Amino acid sequence: MGSPSTATRVTARRRRAAPAPATRYDRRLAEILVHATEVFCKKGYEGASMRDLARASGMSLAGLYYYFESKERLLFLIQKHTFTTIVQGLKARLEGVSDSEERIRIFILNHLEYFLANQAAMKVLSHEAEALKNGFASEVAAIKREYYRICVGLLDKLKSDRGLQFQTRIAVLSLFGMMNWIYTWHNPRVDADAESIAGEMGDVFLRGVMAGGKGRRDGR
């Protein structure tokens, strides 16, 4: 199993900065999404009003409606932006990396780095997962499925490369369980940074998968 230091050095070389919004409208839109995320995080989707969102964004209610026709569209854009950013960043980091174990480590690091830097967004995604309806929900679900499929592909490749036998879906759900709960307990005053945590989490996850997979392969 590769050392965390090797994986983190390689992934550091592949980091991609998110492009800055191109227009004034886009920049203002991005600012509003940041403020709206904080409001939803504190008050919840049902408890937050458009007036609350306008006040937090420093604009009039009419001005907010210029950008968004409804509170639901705001929540939709927060979720869409979050998952799109994660998926695009992951794809950029995976380019040119062939080692199946290292690719899983990259997946973990990409996920943890984003959500430890955007914990309010993580809480909103977790707590308001069922708030979106109809077309909004379908579009976000499609991005989530793509992210899930990427993870499935990474685990299937590991199985193939290492000759392991385990249920991919269970392994994927276990990995997401490890990563997604981090926002509830991470304390930046005492806990390590995202890169260190990702290295240790990768060790724990891969050690378990490798041991369990070999046991099944050997008939134990």
Protein backbone atom coordinates (compact mmCIF):
# COMPACT_ATOMS: atom_id res chain seq x y z
CA MET A 1 0.00 0.00 0.00
CA GLY A 2 1.42 3.40 -1.00
CA SER A 3 2.38 5.85 1.71
CA PRO A 4 0.20 8.92 2.33
CA SER A 5 3.18 11.17 1.77
CA THR A 6 3.58 9.89 -1.80
CA ALA A 7 -0.10 10.29 -2.56
CA THR A 8 -0.35 13.76 -1.09
CA ARG A 9 2.76 14.96 -2.91
CA VAL A 10 1.35 13.80 -6.22
CA THR A 11 -2.13 15.17 -5.58
CA ALA A 12 -0.66 18.51 -4.56
CA ARG A 13 0.87 18.82 -8.00
CA ARG A 14 -2.53 18.22 -9.56
CA ARG A 15 -4.53 20.74 -7.61
CA ARG A 16 -6.57 23.08 -9.75
CA ALA A 17 -7.79 26.48 -8.59
CA ALA A 18 -11.45 27.15 -9.33
CA PRO A 19 -11.78 29.75 -12.11
CA ALA A 20 -12.98 33.15 -11.02
CA PRO A 21 -16.48 34.13 -12.18
CA ALA A 22 -16.15 35.83 -15.57
CA THR A 23 -18.70 38.63 -15.33
CA ARG A 24 -19.98 41.06 -12.75
CA TYR A 25 -23.30 39.21 -12.76
CA ASP A 26 -21.55 35.91 -12.12
CA ARG A 27 -19.46 37.40 -9.33
CA ARG A 28 -22.52 38.85 -7.63
CA LEU A 29 -24.36 35.57 -8.09
CA ALA A 30 -21.49 33.70 -6.41
CA GLU A 31 -21.52 36.15 -3.49
CA ILE A 32 -25.26 35.69 -3.00
CA LEU A 33 -24.86 31.91 -2.97
CA VAL A 34 -22.25 32.18 -0.21
CA HIS A 35 -24.55 34.34 1.93
CA ALA A 36 -27.57 32.15 1.20
CA THR A 37 -25.62 29.05 2.24
CA GLU A 38 -24.88 30.63 5.61
CA VAL A 39 -28.54 31.56 6.11
CA PHE A 40 -29.80 28.09 5.21
CA CYS A 41 -27.15 26.59 7.47
CA LYS A 42 -28.27 28.66 10.46
CA LYS A 43 -32.04 28.81 9.94
CA GLY A 44 -32.75 25.80 7.76
CA TYR A 45 -34.46 25.93 4.40
CA GLU A 46 -37.98 26.11 5.84
CA GLY A 47 -37.02 28.67 8.47
CA ALA A 48 -35.28 31.06 6.08
CA SER A 49 -37.27 33.67 4.17
CA MET A 50 -36.40 35.55 1.00
CA ARG A 51 -36.19 38.67 3.18
CA ASP A 52 -33.60 36.94 5.39
CA LEU A 53 -31.63 36.00 2.30
CA ALA A 54 -31.82 39.52 0.87
CA ARG A 55 -30.68 41.05 4.16
CA ALA A 56 -27.73 38.68 4.44
CA SER A 57 -26.72 39.48 0.85
CA GLY A 58 -26.91 43.22 1.46
CA MET A 59 -29.49 43.85 -1.20
CA SER A 60 -33.16 44.71 -1.52
CA LEU A 61 -35.83 42.04 -1.75
CA ALA A 62 -36.58 43.19 -5.29
CA GLY A 63 -32.90 42.96 -6.12
CA LEU A 64 -32.75 39.38 -4.86
CA TYR A 65 -35.75 38.45 -7.00
CA TYR A 66 -33.84 39.83 -9.98
CA TYR A 67 -31.39 36.95 -9.54
CA PHE A 68 -33.71 34.28 -8.18
CA GLU A 69 -37.43 33.81 -8.61
CA SER A 70 -37.71 31.64 -5.52
CA LYS A 71 -36.00 30.33 -2.42
CA GLU A 72 -36.01 26.88 -3.97
CA ARG A 73 -33.93 28.05 -6.93
CA LEU A 74 -31.36 29.44 -4.50
CA LEU A 75 -31.09 26.10 -2.75
CA PHE A 76 -30.89 24.35 -6.13
CA LEU A 77 -28.01 26.55 -7.27
CA ILE A 78 -26.14 25.99 -4.00
CA GLN A 79 -26.43 22.23 -4.41
CA LYS A 80 -25.65 22.29 -8.12
CA HIS A 81 -22.61 24.54 -7.64
CA THR A 82 -21.28 22.39 -4.81
CA PHE A 83 -21.54 19.03 -6.56
CA THR A 84 -20.38 20.41 -9.92
CA THR A 85 -17.30 21.95 -8.29
CA ILE A 86 -16.43 18.69 -6.53
CA VAL A 87 -16.86 16.57 -9.66
CA GLN A 88 -14.91 18.94 -11.91
CA GLY A 89 -12.09 19.24 -9.38
CA LEU A 90 -11.92 15.47 -9.02
CA LYS A 91 -11.74 14.86 -12.76
CA ALA A 92 -8.91 17.38 -13.09
CA ARG A 93 -6.94 15.71 -10.31
CA LEU A 94 -7.42 12.21 -11.70
CA GLU A 95 -6.02 13.13 -15.11
CA GLY A 96 -2.89 11.18 -15.87
CA VAL A 97 -3.06 9.06 -12.68
CA SER A 98 -3.24 5.34 -13.42
CA ASP A 99 -2.57 3.68 -10.06
CA SER A 100 -5.92 2.51 -8.70
CA GLU A 101 -5.00 2.98 -5.04
CA GLU A 102 -3.68 6.47 -5.61
CA ARG A 103 -6.87 7.42 -7.49
CA ILE A 104 -8.95 6.45 -4.46
CA ARG A 105 -6.70 8.56 -2.24
CA ILE A 106 -7.23 11.48 -4.62
CA PHE A 107 -10.98 10.97 -4.40
CA ILE A 108 -10.84 11.14 -0.59
CA LEU A 109 -8.57 14.19 -0.52
CA ASN A 110 -10.66 16.09 -3.06
CA HIS A 111 -13.83 15.44 -1.04
CA LEU A 112 -12.37 16.32 2.36
CA GLU A 113 -10.58 19.44 1.19
CA TYR A 114 -13.74 20.87 -0.30
CA PHE A 115 -16.06 20.13 2.58
CA LEU A 116 -13.66 21.15 5.35
CA ALA A 117 -13.28 24.47 3.56
CA ASN A 118 -17.05 24.73 2.97
CA GLN A 119 -18.65 23.23 6.07
CA ALA A 120 -21.78 25.38 5.83
CA ALA A 121 -22.42 23.98 2.35
CA MET A 122 -21.94 20.44 3.67
CA LYS A 123 -24.54 21.01 6.39
CA VAL A 124 -27.01 22.46 3.91
CA LEU A 125 -26.53 19.51 1.54
CA SER A 126 -26.97 17.03 4.38
CA HIS A 127 -29.93 18.66 6.10
CA GLU A 128 -31.83 19.85 3.03
CA ALA A 129 -31.28 16.88 0.72
CA GLU A 130 -35.04 16.32 0.27
CA ALA A 131 -36.13 19.95 -0.02
CA LEU A 132 -35.81 20.22 -3.80
CA LYS A 133 -38.66 19.02 -6.01
CA ASN A 134 -39.35 18.20 -9.64
CA GLY A 135 -36.78 19.37 -12.19
CA PHE A 136 -34.46 20.90 -9.60
CA ALA A 137 -34.19 17.63 -7.72
CA SER A 138 -33.64 15.65 -10.93
CA GLU A 139 -30.76 17.83 -12.11
CA VAL A 140 -28.94 17.66 -8.79
CA ALA A 141 -29.59 13.91 -8.55
CA ALA A 142 -27.95 13.43 -11.96
CA ILE A 143 -24.74 15.12 -10.73
CA LYS A 144 -24.81 13.03 -7.54
CA ARG A 145 -25.17 9.86 -9.61
CA GLU A 146 -22.17 10.84 -11.71
CA TYR A 147 -20.11 11.33 -8.55
CA TYR A 148 -21.27 7.99 -7.19
CA ARG A 149 -20.45 6.25 -10.49
CA ILE A 150 -16.93 7.70 -10.46
CA CYS A 151 -16.39 6.21 -7.01
CA VAL A 152 -17.80 2.86 -8.13
CA GLY A 153 -15.41 2.87 -11.07
CA LEU A 154 -12.45 3.59 -8.80
CA LEU A 155 -13.32 0.69 -6.48
CA ASP A 156 -13.98 -1.70 -9.37
CA LYS A 157 -10.58 -0.84 -10.83
CA LEU A 158 -8.93 -1.55 -7.48
CA LYS A 159 -10.70 -4.93 -7.33
CA SER A 160 -9.51 -5.80 -10.81
CA ASP A 161 -5.93 -4.63 -10.30
CA ARG A 162 -5.48 -6.36 -6.93
CA GLY A 163 -7.57 -9.46 -7.60
CA LEU A 164 -9.95 -8.68 -4.72
CA GLN A 165 -13.50 -9.80 -4.01
CA PHE A 166 -15.87 -7.42 -2.21
CA GLN A 167 -19.21 -5.75 -2.83
CA THR A 168 -18.43 -2.47 -4.54
CA ARG A 169 -21.64 -0.77 -3.45
CA ILE A 170 -21.01 -1.55 0.22
CA ALA A 171 -17.44 -0.28 -0.07
CA VAL A 172 -18.63 2.94 -1.73
CA LEU A 173 -21.30 3.57 0.89
CA SER A 174 -18.77 2.90 3.64
CA LEU A 175 -16.34 5.39 2.14
CA PHE A 176 -18.98 8.09 1.81
CA GLY A 177 -20.02 7.40 5.38
CA MET A 178 -16.46 8.03 6.56
CA MET A 179 -16.07 11.21 4.54
CA ASN A 180 -19.47 12.83 4.96
CA TRP A 181 -19.62 12.72 8.74
CA ILE A 182 -16.40 14.66 9.10
CA TYR A 183 -18.18 18.02 9.23
CA THR A 184 -19.96 17.05 12.45
CA TRP A 185 -16.85 16.31 14.49
CA HIS A 186 -13.89 18.05 12.86
CA ASN A 187 -12.35 20.64 15.18
CA PRO A 188 -9.71 22.77 13.41
CA ARG A 189 -8.16 23.74 16.75
CA VAL A 190 -7.12 20.18 17.56
CA ASP A 191 -7.54 18.10 14.39
CA ALA A 192 -5.14 17.83 11.48
CA ASP A 193 -5.70 19.52 8.13
CA ALA A 194 -7.58 17.94 5.24
CA GLU A 195 -4.46 16.49 3.62
CA SER A 196 -3.33 14.69 6.77
CA ILE A 197 -6.82 13.41 7.55
CA ALA A 198 -7.25 12.22 3.97
CA GLY A 199 -3.98 10.28 4.21
CA GLU A 200 -5.03 8.54 7.43
CA MET A 201 -8.57 7.92 6.21
CA GLY A 202 -7.19 6.46 3.01
CA ASP A 203 -5.00 4.12 5.07
CA VAL A 204 -7.93 2.96 7.20
CA PHE A 205 -10.30 2.47 4.26
CA LEU A 206 -7.84 0.79 1.91
CA ARG A 207 -6.44 -1.46 4.61
CA GLY A 208 -9.95 -2.69 5.40
CA VAL A 209 -10.90 -3.17 1.76
CA MET A 210 -7.67 -4.95 0.92
CA ALA A 211 -7.85 -7.26 3.95
CA GLY A 212 -11.52 -8.06 3.47
CA GLY A 213 -11.16 -8.52 -0.26
CA LYS A 214 -8.25 -10.91 0.10
CA GLY A 215 -10.13 -12.90 2.73
CA ARG A 216 -13.06 -13.40 0.37
CA ARG A 217 -10.77 -14.27 -2.50
CA ASP A 218 -9.09 -16.92 -0.36
CA GLY A 219 -12.47 -18.33 0.67
CA ARG A 220 -12.35 -17.18 4.28
